[in-house]
PDB file of N, CA and C in Angstrom:
ATOM      1  N   MET A   1      84.629  62.583 146.931  1.00  0.00           N
ATOM      2  CA  MET A   1      85.672  62.070 147.211  1.00  0.00           C
ATOM      3  C   MET A   1      86.711  63.718 146.285  1.00  0.00           C
ATOM      4  N   MET A   2      86.895  63.730 146.740  1.00  0.00           N
ATOM      5  CA  MET A   2      87.980  64.685 146.753  1.00  0.00           C
ATOM      6  C   MET A   2      88.973  65.927 145.370  1.00  0.00           C
ATOM      7  N   GLU A   3      89.312  64.593 145.251  1.00  0.00           N
ATOM      8  CA  GLU A   3      89.985  64.052 143.645  1.00  0.00           C
ATOM      9  C   GLU A   3      88.894  65.076 142.267  1.00  0.00           C
ATOM     10  N   GLU A   4      87.443  64.714 143.029  1.00  0.00           N
ATOM     11  CA  GLU A   4      86.601  65.817 142.203  1.00  0.00           C
ATOM     12  C   GLU A   4      85.677  66.644 142.541  1.00  0.00           C
ATOM     13  N   ASP A   5      86.628  67.601 142.886  1.00  0.00           N
ATOM     14  CA  ASP A   5      86.942  68.975 144.115  1.00  0.00           C
ATOM     15  C   ASP A   5      87.701  69.650 143.541  1.00  0.00           C
ATOM     16  N   VAL A   6      88.832  68.834 143.070  1.00  0.00           N
ATOM     17  CA  VAL A   6      90.496  70.150 143.181  1.00  0.00           C
ATOM     18  C   VAL A   6      90.144  70.617 142.022  1.00  0.00           C
ATOM     19  N   ASN A   7      90.466  71.900 142.113  1.00  0.00           N
ATOM     20  CA  ASN A   7      90.392  72.525 140.624  1.00  0.00           C
ATOM     21  C   ASN A   7      92.333  73.217 140.628  1.00  0.00           C
ATOM     22  N   TYR A   8      93.383  72.235 140.457  1.00  0.00           N
ATOM     23  CA  TYR A   8      94.710  73.064 141.053  1.00  0.00           C
ATOM     24  C   TYR A   8      95.495  71.509 140.682  1.00  0.00           C
ATOM     25  N   ILE A   9      96.029  71.683 140.198  1.00  0.00           N
ATOM     26  CA  ILE A   9      97.162  70.318 140.178  1.00  0.00           C
ATOM     27  C   ILE A   9      98.091  70.690 141.080  1.00  0.00           C
ATOM     28  N   GLY A  10      97.210  69.330 142.132  1.00  0.00           N
ATOM     29  CA  GLY A  10      98.330  68.911 143.568  1.00  0.00           C
ATOM     30  C   GLY A  10      97.075  68.180 144.852  1.00  0.00           C
ATOM     31  N   ALA A  11      97.031  67.834 145.728  1.00  0.00           N
ATOM     32  CA  ALA A  11      96.763  66.966 146.448  1.00  0.00           C
ATOM     33  C   ALA A  11      95.689  68.044 147.456  1.00  0.00           C
ATOM     34  N   VAL A  12      95.145  67.559 147.476  1.00  0.00           N
ATOM     35  CA  VAL A  12      93.947  68.253 148.666  1.00  0.00           C
ATOM     36  C   VAL A  12      93.773  67.004 149.871  1.00  0.00           C
ATOM     37  N   SER A  13      93.824  67.176 150.836  1.00  0.00           N
ATOM     38  CA  SER A  13      93.759  66.135 152.296  1.00  0.00           C
ATOM     39  C   SER A  13      92.075  65.951 152.651  1.00  0.00           C
ATOM     40  N   HIS A  14      91.779  64.501 152.757  1.00  0.00           N
ATOM     41  CA  HIS A  14      90.657  64.567 152.953  1.00  0.00           C
ATOM     42  C   HIS A  14      90.056  64.774 154.801  1.00  0.00           C
ATOM     43  N   ASN A  15      89.070  64.967 154.896  1.00  0.00           N
ATOM     44  CA  ASN A  15      88.853  65.642 156.277  1.00  0.00           C
ATOM     45  C   ASN A  15      89.053  64.650 156.927  1.00  0.00           C
ATOM     46  N   THR A  16      89.787  63.028 156.787  1.00  0.00           N
ATOM     47  CA  THR A  16      89.460  62.367 157.907  1.00  0.00           C
ATOM     48  C   THR A  16      91.201  62.507 158.262  1.00  0.00           C
ATOM     49  N   ILE A  17      92.298  63.085 156.815  1.00  0.00           N
ATOM     50  CA  ILE A  17      93.276  63.334 158.117  1.00  0.00           C
ATOM     51  C   ILE A  17      93.422  64.790 158.839  1.00  0.00           C
ATOM     52  N   ASP A  18      92.696  65.496 158.562  1.00  0.00           N
ATOM     53  CA  ASP A  18      92.477  66.842 159.493  1.00  0.00           C
ATOM     54  C   ASP A  18      91.921  66.019 160.766  1.00  0.00           C
ATOM     55  N   ASN A  19      90.716  65.307 161.225  1.00  0.00           N
ATOM     56  CA  ASN A  19      90.471  65.044 162.359  1.00  0.00           C
ATOM     57  C   ASN A  19      91.290  63.899 162.786  1.00  0.00           C
ATOM     58  N   TYR A  20      91.885  63.200 162.110  1.00  0.00           N
ATOM     59  CA  TYR A  20      92.853  61.890 162.902  1.00  0.00           C
ATOM     60  C   TYR A  20      94.135  63.618 163.704  1.00  0.00           C
ATOM     61  N   ILE A  21      94.853  64.470 162.914  1.00  0.00           N
ATOM     62  CA  ILE A  21      95.533  65.190 163.343  1.00  0.00           C
ATOM     63  C   ILE A  21      95.034  66.193 164.490  1.00  0.00           C
ATOM     64  N   ASN A  22      93.898  66.112 164.582  1.00  0.00           N
ATOM     65  CA  ASN A  22      93.062  66.552 165.826  1.00  0.00           C
ATOM     66  C   ASN A  22      93.117  65.983 166.398  1.00  0.00           C
ATOM     67  N   LEU A  23      92.939  64.893 166.172  1.00  0.00           N
ATOM     68  CA  LEU A  23      92.330  63.346 166.920  1.00  0.00           C
ATOM     69  C   LEU A  23      94.327  63.418 167.800  1.00  0.00           C
ATOM     70  N   ASN A  24      94.935  63.167 167.240  1.00  0.00           N
ATOM     71  CA  ASN A  24      96.814  63.659 168.203  1.00  0.00           C
ATOM     72  C   ASN A  24      97.634  64.089 167.966  1.00  0.00           C
ATOM     73  N   LYS A  25      97.229  65.641 168.919  1.00  0.00           N
ATOM     74  CA  LYS A  25      97.412  66.577 168.576  1.00  0.00           C
ATOM     75  C   LYS A  25      99.197  66.387 169.258  1.00  0.00           C
ATOM     76  N   THR A  26      99.261  65.791 170.724  1.00  0.00           N
ATOM     77  CA  THR A  26      99.891  65.516 171.694  1.00  0.00           C
ATOM     78  C   THR A  26     101.337  64.585 170.550  1.00  0.00           C
ATOM     79  N   GLU A  27     100.653  63.283 170.459  1.00  0.00           N
ATOM     80  CA  GLU A  27     101.811  62.944 169.527  1.00  0.00           C
ATOM     81  C   GLU A  27     102.059  63.316 168.266  1.00  0.00           C
ATOM     82  N   LEU A  28     101.971  64.116 167.880  1.00  0.00           N
ATOM     83  CA  LEU A  28     102.288  64.394 166.372  1.00  0.00           C
ATOM     84  C   LEU A  28     102.600  65.722 166.927  1.00  0.00           C
ATOM     85  N   GLU A  29     103.079  66.067 167.865  1.00  0.00           N
ATOM     86  CA  GLU A  29     103.895  67.218 167.956  1.00  0.00           C
ATOM     87  C   GLU A  29     105.146  67.234 168.062  1.00  0.00           C
ATOM     88  N   LYS A  30     105.968  65.669 168.515  1.00  0.00           N
ATOM     89  CA  LYS A  30     106.932  65.665 168.302  1.00  0.00           C
ATOM     90  C   LYS A  30     107.557  65.486 166.942  1.00  0.00           C
ATOM     91  N   THR A  31     106.433  64.974 165.768  1.00  0.00           N
ATOM     92  CA  THR A  31     106.966  65.165 164.540  1.00  0.00           C
ATOM     93  C   THR A  31     106.262  66.426 163.215  1.00  0.00           C
ATOM     94  N   LYS A  32     105.953  67.402 164.391  1.00  0.00           N
ATOM     95  CA  LYS A  32     105.180  68.950 164.222  1.00  0.00           C
ATOM     96  C   LYS A  32     106.234  69.113 162.593  1.00  0.00           C
ATOM     97  N   ASP A  33     107.484  69.499 163.524  1.00  0.00           N
ATOM     98  CA  ASP A  33     108.349  70.003 161.766  1.00  0.00           C
ATOM     99  C   ASP A  33     108.372  69.831 160.454  1.00  0.00           C
ATOM    100  N   ARG A  34     108.336  68.003 160.431  1.00  0.00           N
ATOM    101  CA  ARG A  34     107.742  67.168 159.708  1.00  0.00           C
ATOM    102  C   ARG A  34     106.743  67.215 158.803  1.00  0.00           C
ATOM    103  N   LEU A  35     105.712  67.220 159.248  1.00  0.00           N
ATOM    104  CA  LEU A  35     104.363  67.278 159.592  1.00  0.00           C
ATOM    105  C   LEU A  35     104.368  68.531 158.517  1.00  0.00           C
ATOM    106  N   ASP A  36     104.606  69.637 158.830  1.00  0.00           N
ATOM    107  CA  ASP A  36     105.132  71.428 158.490  1.00  0.00           C
ATOM    108  C   ASP A  36     105.569  71.271 157.161  1.00  0.00           C
ATOM    109  N   GLU A  37     106.237  70.312 157.133  1.00  0.00           N
ATOM    110  CA  GLU A  37     107.046  70.002 155.913  1.00  0.00           C
ATOM    111  C   GLU A  37     106.456  69.649 154.198  1.00  0.00           C
ATOM    112  N   LEU A  38     105.279  68.719 155.090  1.00  0.00           N
ATOM    113  CA  LEU A  38     104.697  68.019 154.277  1.00  0.00           C
ATOM    114  C   LEU A  38     103.435  68.600 153.740  1.00  0.00           C
ATOM    115  N   LEU A  39     102.588  69.049 154.256  1.00  0.00           N
ATOM    116  CA  LEU A  39     101.271  70.056 155.206  1.00  0.00           C
ATOM    117  C   LEU A  39     101.052  71.312 155.209  1.00  0.00           C
ATOM    118  N   PHE A  40     100.471  71.152 154.491  1.00  0.00           N
ATOM    119  CA  PHE A  40     100.888  73.543 154.774  1.00  0.00           C
ATOM    120  C   PHE A  40      99.366  73.665 154.614  1.00  0.00           C
ATOM    121  N   GLU A  41      98.460  74.402 155.242  1.00  0.00           N
ATOM    122  CA  GLU A  41      97.309  74.685 155.268  1.00  0.00           C
ATOM    123  C   GLU A  41      96.436  76.217 154.522  1.00  0.00           C
ATOM    124  N   ASP A  42      95.548  76.442 153.799  1.00  0.00           N
ATOM    125  CA  ASP A  42      95.293  77.679 153.198  1.00  0.00           C
ATOM    126  C   ASP A  42      94.281  77.367 151.936  1.00  0.00           C
ATOM    127  N   LYS A  43      93.378  78.891 151.510  1.00  0.00           N
ATOM    128  CA  LYS A  43      92.307  78.177 150.908  1.00  0.00           C
ATOM    129  C   LYS A  43      92.880  77.678 149.161  1.00  0.00           C
ATOM    130  N   THR A  44      92.056  76.754 149.810  1.00  0.00           N
ATOM    131  CA  THR A  44      92.155  75.175 147.978  1.00  0.00           C
ATOM    132  C   THR A  44      91.545  75.899 147.026  1.00  0.00           C
ATOM    133  N   PRO A  45      91.636  76.405 146.167  1.00  0.00           N
ATOM    134  CA  PRO A  45      90.428  76.512 144.259  1.00  0.00           C
ATOM    135  C   PRO A  45      90.285  74.938 144.872  1.00  0.00           C
ATOM    136  N   LEU A  46      88.925  75.188 144.583  1.00  0.00           N
ATOM    137  CA  LEU A  46      88.439  74.087 144.187  1.00  0.00           C
ATOM    138  C   LEU A  46      86.813  74.627 143.313  1.00  0.00           C
ATOM    139  N   LYS A  47      86.397  73.316 142.482  1.00  0.00           N
ATOM    140  CA  LYS A  47      85.061  73.800 141.641  1.00  0.00           C
ATOM    141  C   LYS A  47      84.365  74.608 142.433  1.00  0.00           C
ATOM    142  N   CYS A  48      83.754  74.591 143.598  1.00  0.00           N
ATOM    143  CA  CYS A  48      82.699  74.669 144.089  1.00  0.00           C
ATOM    144  C   CYS A  48      83.407  76.584 144.605  1.00  0.00           C
ATOM    145  N   GLY A  49      84.767  76.773 145.095  1.00  0.00           N
ATOM    146  CA  GLY A  49      85.686  77.950 145.851  1.00  0.00           C
ATOM    147  C   GLY A  49      86.230  77.705 146.056  1.00  0.00           C
ATOM    148  N   ASN A  50      87.173  78.703 146.565  1.00  0.00           N
ATOM    149  CA  ASN A  50      88.292  78.440 147.529  1.00  0.00           C
ATOM    150  C   ASN A  50      87.944  78.565 148.694  1.00  0.00           C
ATOM    151  N   LEU A  51      88.687  76.593 149.636  1.00  0.00           N
ATOM    152  CA  LEU A  51      88.080  77.061 150.598  1.00  0.00           C
ATOM    153  C   LEU A  51      89.904  76.133 151.905  1.00  0.00           C
ATOM    154  N   ASN A  52      89.840  76.770 152.830  1.00  0.00           N
ATOM    155  CA  ASN A  52      90.463  76.461 153.876  1.00  0.00           C
ATOM    156  C   ASN A  52      91.001  74.530 153.481  1.00  0.00           C
ATOM    157  N   HIS A  53      91.615  74.260 152.845  1.00  0.00           N
ATOM    158  CA  HIS A  53      91.997  72.603 153.060  1.00  0.00           C
ATOM    159  C   HIS A  53      93.383  72.714 153.658  1.00  0.00           C
ATOM    160  N   LEU A  54      93.949  71.292 154.017  1.00  0.00           N
ATOM    161  CA  LEU A  54      94.938  70.758 154.131  1.00  0.00           C
ATOM    162  C   LEU A  54      95.939  70.604 152.945  1.00  0.00           C
ATOM    163  N   ASN A  55      96.673  71.157 152.474  1.00  0.00           N
ATOM    164  CA  ASN A  55      97.384  70.411 150.933  1.00  0.00           C
ATOM    165  C   ASN A  55      98.945  69.632 151.304  1.00  0.00           C
ATOM    166  N   LEU A  56      98.873  69.205 150.082  1.00  0.00           N
ATOM    167  CA  LEU A  56     100.314  68.798 150.318  1.00  0.00           C
ATOM    168  C   LEU A  56     101.674  68.921 149.530  1.00  0.00           C
ATOM    169  N   ASN A  57     102.074  69.600 150.106  1.00  0.00           N
ATOM    170  CA  ASN A  57     103.511  70.177 149.339  1.00  0.00           C
ATOM    171  C   ASN A  57     104.619  69.508 148.668  1.00  0.00           C
ATOM    172  N   TRP A  58     104.211  69.265 147.213  1.00  0.00           N
ATOM    173  CA  TRP A  58     104.392  68.480 145.937  1.00  0.00           C
ATOM    174  C   TRP A  58     105.430  69.281 145.989  1.00  0.00           C
ATOM    175  N   PHE A  59     105.606  70.662 146.146  1.00  0.00           N
ATOM    176  CA  PHE A  59     106.451  71.454 145.119  1.00  0.00           C
ATOM    177  C   PHE A  59     107.677  71.172 146.218  1.00  0.00           C
ATOM    178  N   SER A  60     107.703  71.492 147.051  1.00  0.00           N
ATOM    179  CA  SER A  60     109.466  70.772 147.839  1.00  0.00           C
ATOM    180  C   SER A  60     109.785  69.774 146.895  1.00  0.00           C
ATOM    181  N   LYS A  61     109.341  69.125 146.512  1.00  0.00           N
ATOM    182  CA  LYS A  61     109.594  67.995 146.148  1.00  0.00           C
ATOM    183  C   LYS A  61     110.011  67.635 144.668  1.00  0.00           C
ATOM    184  N   ALA A  62     108.905  68.288 144.025  1.00  0.00           N
ATOM    185  CA  ALA A  62     109.536  68.275 142.586  1.00  0.00           C
ATOM    186  C   ALA A  62     110.466  68.098 142.121  1.00  0.00           C
ATOM    187  N   SER A  63     110.847  66.785 141.095  1.00  0.00           N
ATOM    188  CA  SER A  63     111.851  65.488 140.563  1.00  0.00           C
ATOM    189  C   SER A  63     113.606  66.492 140.294  1.00  0.00           C
ATOM    190  N   LEU A  64     112.997  67.496 139.477  1.00  0.00           N
ATOM    191  CA  LEU A  64     113.863  68.837 138.576  1.00  0.00           C
ATOM    192  C   LEU A  64     115.089  69.640 139.892  1.00  0.00           C
ATOM    193  N   LEU A  65     114.329  69.459 141.216  1.00  0.00           N
ATOM    194  CA  LEU A  65     115.026  70.983 141.922  1.00  0.00           C
ATOM    195  C   LEU A  65     116.167  70.272 142.826  1.00  0.00           C
ATOM    196  N   LYS A  66     117.484  70.698 142.769  1.00  0.00           N
ATOM    197  CA  LYS A  66     118.448  70.531 143.171  1.00  0.00           C
ATOM    198  C   LYS A  66     118.580  70.522 145.170  1.00  0.00           C
ATOM    199  N   GLU A  67     119.263  70.664 145.753  1.00  0.00           N
ATOM    200  CA  GLU A  67     119.764  70.604 146.700  1.00  0.00           C
ATOM    201  C   GLU A  67     120.316  72.078 146.905  1.00  0.00           C
ATOM    202  N   GLU A  68     121.347  71.743 145.477  1.00  0.00           N
ATOM    203  CA  GLU A  68     122.604  73.067 145.738  1.00  0.00           C
ATOM    204  C   GLU A  68     121.494  74.337 145.230  1.00  0.00           C
ATOM    205  N   LEU A  69     120.000  74.632 144.761  1.00  0.00           N
ATOM    206  CA  LEU A  69     119.752  75.502 144.256  1.00  0.00           C
ATOM    207  C   LEU A  69     119.414  76.576 145.143  1.00  0.00           C
ATOM    208  N   THR A  70     119.785  77.784 145.114  1.00  0.00           N
ATOM    209  CA  THR A  70     118.614  78.457 146.173  1.00  0.00           C
ATOM    210  C   THR A  70     117.498  78.879 145.787  1.00  0.00           C
ATOM    211  N   ASP A  71     116.510  79.214 146.713  1.00  0.00           N
ATOM    212  CA  ASP A  71     115.161  79.134 147.169  1.00  0.00           C
ATOM    213  C   ASP A  71     114.961  80.056 145.723  1.00  0.00           C
ATOM    214  N   GLU A  72     115.060  81.081 145.335  1.00  0.00           N
ATOM    215  CA  GLU A  72     114.526  81.606 144.966  1.00  0.00           C
ATOM    216  C   GLU A  72     114.839  81.037 143.274  1.00  0.00           C
ATOM    217  N   GLU A  73     115.942  80.074 142.815  1.00  0.00           N
ATOM    218  CA  GLU A  73     116.263  79.293 141.659  1.00  0.00           C
ATOM    219  C   GLU A  73     114.991  78.207 141.695  1.00  0.00           C
ATOM    220  N   LYS A  74     115.178  77.976 142.782  1.00  0.00           N
ATOM    221  CA  LYS A  74     113.756  76.467 143.277  1.00  0.00           C
ATOM    222  C   LYS A  74     111.669  77.468 142.439  1.00  0.00           C
ATOM    223  N   THR A  75     111.773  78.244 142.887  1.00  0.00           N
ATOM    224  CA  THR A  75     110.618  78.753 142.625  1.00  0.00           C
ATOM    225  C   THR A  75     110.541  78.911 141.731  1.00  0.00           C
ATOM    226  N   LYS A  76     112.362  79.741 140.656  1.00  0.00           N
ATOM    227  CA  LYS A  76     111.957  80.273 139.354  1.00  0.00           C
ATOM    228  C   LYS A  76     111.896  78.944 138.927  1.00  0.00           C
ATOM    229  N   LYS A  77     112.269  77.601 139.322  1.00  0.00           N
ATOM    230  CA  LYS A  77     112.208  76.207 138.304  1.00  0.00           C
ATOM    231  C   LYS A  77     110.632  75.990 138.968  1.00  0.00           C
ATOM    232  N   ILE A  78     110.210  75.672 139.591  1.00  0.00           N
ATOM    233  CA  ILE A  78     108.655  75.368 139.644  1.00  0.00           C
ATOM    234  C   ILE A  78     107.337  76.124 138.519  1.00  0.00           C
ATOM    235  N   ASN A  79     107.701  77.879 139.196  1.00  0.00           N
ATOM    236  CA  ASN A  79     106.900  78.377 138.125  1.00  0.00           C
ATOM    237  C   ASN A  79     107.255  77.914 136.358  1.00  0.00           C
ATOM    238  N   GLU A  80     108.211  77.504 136.276  1.00  0.00           N
ATOM    239  CA  GLU A  80     108.787  77.050 134.827  1.00  0.00           C
ATOM    240  C   GLU A  80     107.951  75.575 134.565  1.00  0.00           C
ATOM    241  N   LEU A  81     108.161  74.786 135.958  1.00  0.00           N
ATOM    242  CA  LEU A  81     107.325  73.555 135.092  1.00  0.00           C
ATOM    243  C   LEU A  81     105.550  73.733 135.016  1.00  0.00           C
ATOM    244  N   ILE A  82     105.315  74.726 135.821  1.00  0.00           N
ATOM    245  CA  ILE A  82     104.081  74.597 135.771  1.00  0.00           C
ATOM    246  C   ILE A  82     103.294  75.474 134.446  1.00  0.00           C
ATOM    247  N   THR A  83     104.154  76.390 134.796  1.00  0.00           N
ATOM    248  CA  THR A  83     104.020  76.950 133.240  1.00  0.00           C
ATOM    249  C   THR A  83     104.444  76.354 131.898  1.00  0.00           C
ATOM    250  N   HIS A  84     105.109  75.899 131.997  1.00  0.00           N
ATOM    251  CA  HIS A  84     105.231  74.445 130.878  1.00  0.00           C
ATOM    252  C   HIS A  84     104.068  73.923 130.407  1.00  0.00           C
ATOM    253  N   PHE A  85     102.908  73.631 131.161  1.00  0.00           N
ATOM    254  CA  PHE A  85     101.652  72.869 131.143  1.00  0.00           C
ATOM    255  C   PHE A  85     100.975  73.812 130.456  1.00  0.00           C
ATOM    256  N   LYS A  86     100.852  74.957 130.134  1.00  0.00           N
ATOM    257  CA  LYS A  86     100.292  75.867 130.105  1.00  0.00           C
ATOM    258  C   LYS A  86      99.812  75.443 127.901  1.00  0.00           C
ATOM    259  N   TYR A  87     101.592  75.048 127.395  1.00  0.00           N
ATOM    260  CA  TYR A  87     101.630  75.329 125.829  1.00  0.00           C
ATOM    261  C   TYR A  87     100.934  74.171 126.148  1.00  0.00           C
ATOM    262  N   ASN A  88     100.219  73.271 126.036  1.00  0.00           N
ATOM    263  CA  ASN A  88      99.528  72.099 126.461  1.00  0.00           C
ATOM    264  C   ASN A  88      98.253  72.079 126.953  1.00  0.00           C
ATOM    265  N   THR A  89      97.298  73.303 126.647  1.00  0.00           N
ATOM    266  CA  THR A  89      96.389  73.234 127.324  1.00  0.00           C
ATOM    267  C   THR A  89      95.117  74.346 127.565  1.00  0.00           C
ATOM    268  N   SER A  90      94.829  74.421 126.842  1.00  0.00           N
ATOM    269  CA  SER A  90      93.794  75.530 126.734  1.00  0.00           C
ATOM    270  C   SER A  90      92.262  75.845 127.695  1.00  0.00           C
ATOM    271  N   GLY A  91      91.175  76.652 127.207  1.00  0.00           N
ATOM    272  CA  GLY A  91      89.992  76.708 127.313  1.00  0.00           C
ATOM    273  C   GLY A  91      90.182  76.066 129.435  1.00  0.00           C
ATOM    274  N   SER A  92      88.532  75.111 129.553  1.00  0.00           N
ATOM    275  CA  SER A  92      88.828  75.892 131.097  1.00  0.00           C
ATOM    276  C   SER A  92      90.178  74.579 131.700  1.00  0.00           C
ATOM    277  N   PRO A  93      90.573  73.914 130.880  1.00  0.00           N
ATOM    278  CA  PRO A  93      91.613  72.678 131.553  1.00  0.00           C
ATOM    279  C   PRO A  93      93.143  73.380 131.794  1.00  0.00           C
ATOM    280  N   ARG A  94      93.078  75.332 131.608  1.00  0.00           N
ATOM    281  CA  ARG A  94      94.365  76.313 131.837  1.00  0.00           C
ATOM    282  C   ARG A  94      94.370  76.327 133.299  1.00  0.00           C
ATOM    283  N   LYS A  95      92.510  76.955 133.544  1.00  0.00           N
ATOM    284  CA  LYS A  95      92.496  76.667 134.944  1.00  0.00           C
ATOM    285  C   LYS A  95      93.126  76.720 135.907  1.00  0.00           C
ATOM    286  N   TYR A  96      93.372  75.131 135.602  1.00  0.00           N
ATOM    287  CA  TYR A  96      93.832  74.349 136.343  1.00  0.00           C
ATOM    288  C   TYR A  96      95.677  75.356 137.065  1.00  0.00           C
ATOM    289  N   ILE A  97      96.197  75.525 135.596  1.00  0.00           N
ATOM    290  CA  ILE A  97      97.810  75.634 136.014  1.00  0.00           C
ATOM    291  C   ILE A  97      97.799  77.309 136.016  1.00  0.00           C
ATOM    292  N   ASP A  98      96.899  78.092 136.097  1.00  0.00           N
ATOM    293  CA  ASP A  98      96.625  79.736 136.361  1.00  0.00           C
ATOM    294  C   ASP A  98      96.552  79.020 138.102  1.00  0.00           C
ATOM    295  N   ASN A  99      95.260  78.484 138.271  1.00  0.00           N
ATOM    296  CA  ASN A  99      95.193  78.381 139.351  1.00  0.00           C
ATOM    297  C   ASN A  99      97.120  77.848 140.249  1.00  0.00           C
ATOM    298  N   THR A 100      97.152  77.166 140.379  1.00  0.00           N
ATOM    299  CA  THR A 100      98.710  76.239 140.588  1.00  0.00           C
ATOM    300  C   THR A 100      99.491  77.277 140.990  1.00  0.00           C
ATOM    301  N   ILE A 101     100.004  78.421 139.660  1.00  0.00           N
ATOM    302  CA  ILE A 101     100.398  78.976 139.604  1.00  0.00           C
ATOM    303  C   ILE A 101     100.090  80.179 140.752  1.00  0.00           C
ATOM    304  N   GLU A 102      99.105  80.587 140.680  1.00  0.00           N
ATOM    305  CA  GLU A 102      98.995  81.496 142.073  1.00  0.00           C
ATOM    306  C   GLU A 102      98.690  81.249 143.262  1.00  0.00           C
ATOM    307  N   PHE A 103      98.352  79.609 143.799  1.00  0.00           N
ATOM    308  CA  PHE A 103      98.486  78.984 144.930  1.00  0.00           C
ATOM    309  C   PHE A 103      99.678  78.814 145.987  1.00  0.00           C
ATOM    310  N   PHE A 104     100.683  78.616 144.307  1.00  0.00           N
ATOM    311  CA  PHE A 104     102.207  78.147 144.744  1.00  0.00           C
ATOM    312  C   PHE A 104     102.526  79.430 145.209  1.00  0.00           C
ATOM    313  N   ASN A 105     102.688  80.246 144.119  1.00  0.00           N
ATOM    314  CA  ASN A 105     103.337  82.055 144.653  1.00  0.00           C
ATOM    315  C   ASN A 105     102.540  82.870 146.053  1.00  0.00           C
ATOM    316  N   ARG A 106     101.547  82.645 146.005  1.00  0.00           N
ATOM    317  CA  ARG A 106     101.008  83.203 147.965  1.00  0.00           C
ATOM    318  C   ARG A 106     101.346  82.471 148.720  1.00  0.00           C
ATOM    319  N   ASN A 107     101.780  80.908 148.479  1.00  0.00           N
ATOM    320  CA  ASN A 107     102.110  80.320 149.825  1.00  0.00           C
ATOM    321  C   ASN A 107     103.447  80.336 150.231  1.00  0.00           C
ATOM    322  N   TYR A 108     104.159  80.341 148.467  1.00  0.00           N
ATOM    323  CA  TYR A 108     105.126  80.330 149.273  1.00  0.00           C
ATOM    324  C   TYR A 108     105.939  81.760 149.391  1.00  0.00           C
ATOM    325  N   GLU A 109     104.888  82.976 148.745  1.00  0.00           N
ATOM    326  CA  GLU A 109     105.577  84.229 149.482  1.00  0.00           C
ATOM    327  C   GLU A 109     105.014  84.375 151.258  1.00  0.00           C
ATOM    328  N   ASN A 110     103.911  83.673 151.113  1.00  0.00           N
ATOM    329  CA  ASN A 110     103.305  83.610 152.843  1.00  0.00           C
ATOM    330  C   ASN A 110     104.278  82.269 153.548  1.00  0.00           C
ATOM    331  N   LYS A 111     105.062  82.017 153.644  1.00  0.00           N
ATOM    332  CA  LYS A 111     106.087  81.407 153.554  1.00  0.00           C
ATOM    333  C   LYS A 111     104.948  79.521 154.557  1.00  0.00           C
ATOM    334  N   LYS A 112     104.135  79.567 153.660  1.00  0.00           N
ATOM    335  CA  LYS A 112     103.358  78.252 154.339  1.00  0.00           C
ATOM    336  C   LYS A 112     104.026  76.536 153.572  1.00  0.00           C
ATOM    337  N   ILE A 113     104.952  77.675 152.019  1.00  0.00           N
ATOM    338  CA  ILE A 113     105.382  76.101 151.773  1.00  0.00           C
ATOM    339  C   ILE A 113     106.529  76.227 151.493  1.00  0.00           C
ATOM    340  N   LEU A 114     107.354  75.389 151.986  1.00  0.00           N
ATOM    341  CA  LEU A 114     109.065  75.379 152.321  1.00  0.00           C
ATOM    342  C   LEU A 114     109.735  74.617 151.718  1.00  0.00           C
ATOM    343  N   LEU A 115     110.747  75.325 150.506  1.00  0.00           N
ATOM    344  CA  LEU A 115     110.644  74.328 149.701  1.00  0.00           C
ATOM    345  C   LEU A 115     113.035  74.069 150.651  1.00  0.00           C
TER     346      LEU A 115
END
């Protein structure tokens, strides 16, 4: 079960999603732009290490983000939202927060996360 392996605040797709996308490439090509907004692949923080997986781009859907904000303002807001959790955690749970911040910033800079 993937939810037990994830070591950041996020949603990682199960291998059955990868398989579905692979088997239906032709049909899904029509919705590629939409899929790219929702999913991205990168080294994902798991308890067993960083492994390539598809991830849900929940960052762009953060409820406090408004359309009229610039990407820079949205990025700052997302970092603030995630960092806020640090004030309520310590020890090993804080690793989830640190991993999430690092994961978001790396993937935003590499243009895998679209806001």
